[in-house]
Amino acid sequence: MDIKSLRYFLAVVQEGNITQAAKKLCIAQPPLSRQIRLLEEELGVTLFLRGKKKIRLTEEGRFLKQQAEEIIELMEKTQEQLGRLGSSVHGLVSVAAVESFGIGLLSEMVEAFHREYPRVHFQIWCGNSDEVRDKLERGLADVGIVRAPVYMEQCEQIFLRSEPWVAAMSRNHPLAGEAGDEVRLERLGGETLMVPVRASLQEEINHWFNEIAQEREILCYYNSSASMLPMVERGMGIAICPGSARYFTGGEGIVYKTIVEPRKESRLYMVKRRYQMLPQAAGAFWDFVSSTFLPA
């Protein structure tokens, strides 16, 4: 199994058809079919279920697709960084960030850094904090932006900022019409709620309600603010989310109120693997953020 066979495999996956994949790769169909068959023989598994017009991945094929994408991404990133070593500060910085943070402070950090180092480019991936940590551990990201609580024993960290937890609700909800931009936690106890899917955040939010002896009704657990907010706008429930979630909407149909009594804060950190020697561009970005964006 080599990079070429993995690229051929991914081309077939993307096209769903060996004939179309062969055209995309500018090779004849028989050699491509032979390459796929040799790959299956080498691995001892069936990667595709062949249909008359379209082929589908087996469970083993889906696993190889995920691994192949990460292997090729890591290889390309390694080649890019090695080609830049020893020259002036330029190259690629790979950042994995929690989704709601990605449009907020991260954009300010990238903009300010790019003014100082215009030859540095960025690759930005968004997910939840557990997924960000996984990207770091696999070497698929140079630095990460995570939201506490998250296991960070193997990471070096820089505290960036805190932001309030807010309740996002439809503009037509009765609570939205009340004066002020705050809502007491106890007022949310009888509402239908949407909360983050991360287990550690679920535990934290449950603890808030347990402290004030309030029941809570959970409609859904969300992994993406962008997919959850349309449900909020339709009046299906109130979402508990970090304040930066407001970046995902213009706010015309959604009202955000800061949760108080007690007020709850979410802490954000920039992290990298402990004892990791960052590539030149990524190291410059880490140092720049450390000296420019830390709280006073």
Protein backbone atom coordinates (compact mmCIF):
# COMPACT_ATOMS: atom_id res chain seq x y z
CA MET A 1 0.00 0.00 0.00
CA ASP A 2 1.49 3.33 -1.08
CA ILE A 3 0.36 6.92 -1.58
CA LYS A 4 -0.46 6.33 -5.25
CA SER A 5 -2.80 3.43 -4.48
CA LEU A 6 -4.49 5.50 -1.74
CA ARG A 7 -5.00 8.39 -4.18
CA TYR A 8 -6.49 5.99 -6.72
CA PHE A 9 -8.77 4.54 -4.05
CA LEU A 10 -10.00 8.00 -2.99
CA ALA A 11 -10.65 8.99 -6.60
CA VAL A 12 -12.92 5.96 -7.00
CA VAL A 13 -14.68 6.84 -3.74
CA GLN A 14 -15.27 10.44 -4.85
CA GLU A 15 -16.57 9.50 -8.29
CA GLY A 16 -18.52 6.42 -7.19
CA ASN A 17 -17.60 4.83 -10.48
CA ILE A 18 -14.32 3.36 -11.73
CA THR A 19 -14.82 4.61 -15.30
CA GLN A 20 -15.32 8.20 -14.14
CA ALA A 21 -12.41 7.90 -11.69
CA ALA A 22 -10.13 6.68 -14.47
CA LYS A 23 -11.08 9.71 -16.60
CA LYS A 24 -10.36 12.04 -13.69
CA LEU A 25 -6.96 10.38 -13.15
CA CYS A 26 -6.22 10.37 -16.90
CA ILE A 27 -5.53 6.63 -16.95
CA ALA A 28 -7.26 3.70 -18.59
CA GLN A 29 -9.97 1.83 -16.67
CA PRO A 30 -8.32 -1.65 -16.61
CA PRO A 31 -5.14 -0.48 -14.81
CA LEU A 32 -7.23 1.36 -12.24
CA SER A 33 -9.44 -1.67 -11.64
CA ARG A 34 -6.29 -3.77 -11.25
CA GLN A 35 -4.83 -1.29 -8.73
CA ILE A 36 -8.01 -1.45 -6.62
CA ARG A 37 -8.08 -5.24 -6.78
CA LEU A 38 -4.40 -5.45 -5.74
CA LEU A 39 -5.09 -3.08 -2.84
CA GLU A 40 -7.95 -5.29 -1.65
CA GLU A 41 -5.77 -8.40 -1.96
CA GLU A 42 -2.92 -6.74 -0.05
CA LEU A 43 -5.23 -5.65 2.78
CA GLY A 44 -7.25 -8.87 2.77
CA VAL A 45 -10.60 -7.06 2.71
CA THR A 46 -13.32 -6.04 0.26
CA LEU A 47 -13.41 -2.26 -0.07
CA PHE A 48 -16.33 -1.84 -2.48
CA LEU A 49 -19.70 -3.42 -3.16
CA ARG A 50 -19.94 -3.36 -6.96
CA GLY A 51 -23.25 -2.35 -8.56
CA LYS A 52 -24.16 -2.06 -12.22
CA LYS A 53 -23.77 1.72 -12.33
CA LYS A 54 -22.35 2.74 -8.98
CA ILE A 55 -20.15 1.18 -6.32
CA ARG A 56 -20.56 1.57 -2.57
CA LEU A 57 -18.05 1.37 0.24
CA THR A 58 -18.02 -1.53 2.66
CA GLU A 59 -17.40 -0.89 6.36
CA GLU A 60 -13.70 -1.62 5.75
CA GLY A 61 -13.78 0.79 2.80
CA ARG A 62 -15.24 3.58 4.94
CA PHE A 63 -12.50 3.07 7.51
CA LEU A 64 -9.77 3.15 4.84
CA LYS A 65 -11.30 6.32 3.34
CA GLN A 66 -10.97 8.14 6.67
CA GLN A 67 -7.42 6.92 7.22
CA ALA A 68 -6.34 7.61 3.64
CA GLU A 69 -7.60 11.21 3.76
CA GLU A 70 -5.68 11.85 6.97
CA ILE A 71 -2.50 10.16 5.67
CA ILE A 72 -2.48 12.23 2.48
CA GLU A 73 -3.29 15.44 4.36
CA LEU A 74 -0.42 14.78 6.78
CA MET A 75 1.97 13.94 3.93
CA GLU A 76 1.12 17.12 2.01
CA LYS A 77 1.43 19.22 5.14
CA THR A 78 4.82 17.65 5.93
CA GLN A 79 6.11 18.31 2.43
CA GLU A 80 4.90 21.92 2.61
CA GLN A 81 6.59 22.56 5.96
CA LEU A 82 9.86 20.83 5.04
CA GLY A 83 10.06 22.92 1.90
CA ARG A 84 9.82 26.09 3.97
CA LEU A 85 12.40 25.31 6.66
CA GLY A 86 15.50 27.46 6.66
CA SER A 87 13.90 30.33 4.72
CA SER A 88 12.10 33.46 5.86
CA VAL A 89 8.87 33.10 7.81
CA HIS A 90 6.36 31.79 5.33
CA GLY A 91 4.45 28.57 4.88
CA LEU A 92 1.29 26.97 6.20
CA VAL A 93 -0.19 27.05 9.71
CA SER A 94 -2.82 24.39 10.42
CA VAL A 95 -5.31 25.44 13.11
CA ALA A 96 -8.07 23.24 14.54
CA ALA A 97 -10.61 25.36 16.43
CA VAL A 98 -13.87 24.91 18.26
CA GLU A 99 -16.62 25.84 15.84
CA SER A 100 -18.19 28.82 17.60
CA PHE A 101 -14.75 30.38 18.20
CA GLY A 102 -13.73 30.11 14.55
CA ILE A 103 -15.48 33.29 13.38
CA GLY A 104 -14.70 35.37 16.45
CA LEU A 105 -11.33 35.97 18.03
CA LEU A 106 -9.60 33.55 15.65
CA SER A 107 -10.36 35.82 12.70
CA GLU A 108 -8.82 38.75 14.61
CA MET A 109 -5.73 36.69 15.42
CA VAL A 110 -5.26 35.57 11.81
CA GLU A 111 -5.82 39.08 10.43
CA ALA A 112 -3.29 40.67 12.81
CA PHE A 113 -0.71 37.93 12.25
CA HIS A 114 -1.10 38.10 8.47
CA ARG A 115 -0.30 41.82 8.51
CA GLU A 116 3.04 40.98 10.15
CA TYR A 117 3.72 37.81 8.14
CA PRO A 118 1.95 38.18 4.76
CA ARG A 119 3.66 35.11 3.30
CA VAL A 120 2.10 32.77 5.85
CA HIS A 121 -1.13 31.01 4.90
CA PHE A 122 -3.65 29.14 7.04
CA GLN A 123 -5.56 25.91 6.98
CA ILE A 124 -8.47 26.11 9.44
CA TRP A 125 -10.60 23.16 10.55
CA CYS A 126 -13.56 23.48 12.95
CA GLY A 127 -15.13 20.92 15.27
CA ASN A 128 -15.71 20.41 18.98
CA SER A 129 -12.92 20.41 21.57
CA ASP A 130 -12.59 16.61 21.65
CA GLU A 131 -12.20 16.54 17.86
CA VAL A 132 -9.65 19.37 18.02
CA ARG A 133 -7.60 17.44 20.57
CA ASP A 134 -7.74 14.37 18.32
CA LYS A 135 -6.42 16.41 15.37
CA LEU A 136 -3.50 17.58 17.51
CA GLU A 137 -2.69 14.08 18.74
CA ARG A 138 -2.69 12.76 15.17
CA GLY A 139 -0.35 15.54 14.04
CA LEU A 140 -2.96 16.90 11.63
CA ALA A 141 -2.97 20.36 13.22
CA ASP A 142 -0.17 22.56 14.54
CA VAL A 143 -2.21 24.37 17.17
CA GLY A 144 -5.74 24.08 18.52
CA ILE A 145 -8.34 26.32 20.09
CA VAL A 146 -10.36 24.42 22.71
CA ARG A 147 -13.16 25.17 25.13
CA ALA A 148 -12.81 23.94 28.72
CA PRO A 149 -13.39 21.47 30.19
CA VAL A 150 -11.18 19.23 28.05
CA TYR A 151 -8.39 16.81 29.00
CA MET A 152 -5.18 18.74 28.31
CA GLU A 153 -2.49 16.96 30.34
CA GLN A 154 -0.45 16.24 27.21
CA CYS A 155 -0.82 19.80 25.90
CA GLU A 156 0.86 23.11 26.51
CA GLN A 157 -1.83 25.76 26.83
CA ILE A 158 -2.35 29.51 26.71
CA PHE A 159 -5.49 31.04 28.22
CA LEU A 160 -7.13 33.33 25.65
CA ARG A 161 -10.35 34.62 27.15
CA SER A 162 -13.63 33.84 28.88
CA GLU A 163 -17.03 34.40 27.38
CA PRO A 164 -20.50 34.08 28.90
CA TRP A 165 -22.90 31.24 28.32
CA VAL A 166 -26.05 32.55 26.69
CA ALA A 167 -29.58 31.39 25.99
CA ALA A 168 -30.48 31.65 22.30
CA MET A 169 -34.23 31.86 21.69
CA SER A 170 -36.70 32.75 18.97
CA ARG A 171 -37.61 36.42 18.82
CA ASN A 172 -41.23 35.27 19.28
CA HIS A 173 -40.51 33.47 22.57
CA PRO A 174 -42.06 35.15 25.66
CA LEU A 175 -38.65 35.43 27.34
CA ALA A 176 -37.29 37.31 24.33
CA GLY A 177 -39.85 40.06 24.86
CA GLU A 178 -38.80 40.72 28.44
CA ALA A 179 -36.65 43.78 29.13
CA GLY A 180 -32.88 43.47 29.33
CA ASP A 181 -30.27 41.21 27.77
CA GLU A 182 -30.02 38.76 30.68
CA VAL A 183 -32.06 35.77 31.81
CA ARG A 184 -31.93 34.04 35.18
CA LEU A 185 -30.96 30.38 35.04
CA GLU A 186 -34.08 29.36 36.95
CA ARG A 187 -36.26 30.80 34.14
CA LEU A 188 -34.81 28.17 31.79
CA GLY A 189 -35.75 25.24 34.03
CA GLY A 190 -39.21 24.77 32.54
CA GLU A 191 -38.17 25.34 28.94
CA THR A 192 -37.36 22.89 26.15
CA LEU A 193 -33.58 23.09 25.82
CA MET A 194 -30.84 22.29 23.34
CA VAL A 195 -27.37 21.69 24.80
CA PRO A 196 -23.91 20.79 23.41
CA VAL A 197 -23.31 17.13 22.66
CA ARG A 198 -19.91 16.97 24.43
CA ALA A 199 -20.31 14.84 27.57
CA SER A 200 -18.18 17.17 29.71
CA LEU A 201 -20.34 20.17 28.78
CA GLN A 202 -23.54 18.22 29.38
CA GLU A 203 -22.27 17.39 32.88
CA GLU A 204 -21.39 21.05 33.50
CA ILE A 205 -24.84 22.30 32.42
CA ASN A 206 -26.65 19.60 34.41
CA HIS A 207 -24.64 20.69 37.43
CA TRP A 208 -25.93 24.27 37.04
CA PHE A 209 -29.54 23.11 37.28
CA ASN A 210 -28.82 20.67 40.09
CA GLU A 211 -27.31 23.52 42.13
CA ILE A 212 -30.59 25.44 41.99
CA ALA A 213 -32.76 22.29 42.21
CA GLN A 214 -34.34 22.86 38.81
CA GLU A 215 -35.52 20.21 36.39
CA ARG A 216 -34.62 20.54 32.74
CA GLU A 217 -36.12 19.16 29.52
CA ILE A 218 -33.60 18.42 26.75
CA LEU A 219 -34.92 18.36 23.19
CA CYS A 220 -31.61 17.65 21.50
CA TYR A 221 -27.84 17.59 21.84
CA TYR A 222 -26.08 19.56 19.13
CA ASN A 223 -22.58 19.43 17.71
CA SER A 224 -22.93 22.41 15.36
CA SER A 225 -24.25 25.86 16.21
CA ALA A 226 -24.92 26.44 12.52
CA SER A 227 -27.33 23.49 12.38
CA MET A 228 -28.94 24.13 15.79
CA LEU A 229 -29.80 27.83 15.38
CA PRO A 230 -32.41 27.35 12.60
CA MET A 231 -34.37 25.13 15.02
CA VAL A 232 -34.14 27.88 17.64
CA GLU A 233 -35.42 30.43 15.14
CA ARG A 234 -38.42 28.19 14.42
CA GLY A 235 -39.29 28.23 18.13
CA MET A 236 -38.52 24.57 18.80
CA GLY A 237 -36.56 25.34 21.96
CA ILE A 238 -33.92 27.45 23.69
CA ALA A 239 -30.25 26.66 23.06
CA ILE A 240 -27.63 27.02 25.75
CA CYS A 241 -24.47 28.02 23.91
CA PRO A 242 -21.32 30.13 24.22
CA GLY A 243 -21.76 33.84 23.53
CA SER A 244 -19.73 33.62 20.33
CA ALA A 245 -22.49 31.49 18.77
CA ARG A 246 -24.15 34.80 17.84
CA TYR A 247 -21.58 35.11 15.02
CA PHE A 248 -23.51 32.42 13.14
CA THR A 249 -26.60 34.54 12.56
CA GLY A 250 -27.51 38.10 11.81
CA GLY A 251 -29.83 37.96 14.82
CA GLU A 252 -33.05 38.99 13.04
CA GLY A 253 -34.96 35.92 14.21
CA ILE A 254 -32.94 35.03 17.31
CA VAL A 255 -32.43 36.83 20.61
CA TYR A 256 -29.44 36.08 22.85
CA LYS A 257 -29.62 36.64 26.59
CA THR A 258 -26.69 36.17 28.95
CA ILE A 259 -27.39 33.54 31.62
CA VAL A 260 -27.13 35.01 35.14
CA GLU A 261 -27.87 34.22 38.79
CA PRO A 262 -25.44 32.64 38.62
CA ARG A 263 -23.54 33.93 35.59
CA LYS A 264 -21.64 31.14 33.83
CA GLU A 265 -18.40 31.58 31.89
CA SER A 266 -16.74 29.45 29.21
CA ARG A 267 -12.92 29.49 29.06
CA LEU A 268 -10.98 29.26 25.80
CA TYR A 269 -7.37 28.11 25.38
CA MET A 270 -4.84 27.84 22.57
CA VAL A 271 -3.00 24.53 22.85
CA LYS A 272 -0.25 22.50 21.22
CA ARG A 273 1.30 19.15 21.97
CA ARG A 274 3.70 19.32 24.89
CA TYR A 275 7.39 19.27 23.90
CA GLN A 276 6.40 19.67 20.23
CA MET A 277 8.79 21.64 18.03
CA LEU A 278 6.46 23.60 15.80
CA PRO A 279 7.32 24.32 12.16
CA GLN A 280 8.64 27.83 11.63
CA ALA A 281 5.37 29.48 10.54
CA ALA A 282 3.32 27.77 13.24
CA GLY A 283 5.93 28.65 15.86
CA ALA A 284 5.77 32.30 14.80
CA PHE A 285 1.96 32.22 15.09
CA TRP A 286 2.13 30.66 18.58
CA ASP A 287 4.63 33.30 19.75
CA PHE A 288 2.62 36.12 18.16
CA VAL A 289 -0.62 35.11 19.89
CA SER A 290 1.24 34.58 23.18
CA SER A 291 2.56 38.14 23.11
CA THR A 292 -0.37 39.95 21.52
CA PHE A 293 -3.71 38.37 22.46
CA LEU A 294 -3.33 37.30 26.08
CA PRO A 295 -5.78 38.93 28.53
CA ALA A 296 -4.45 41.94 30.43
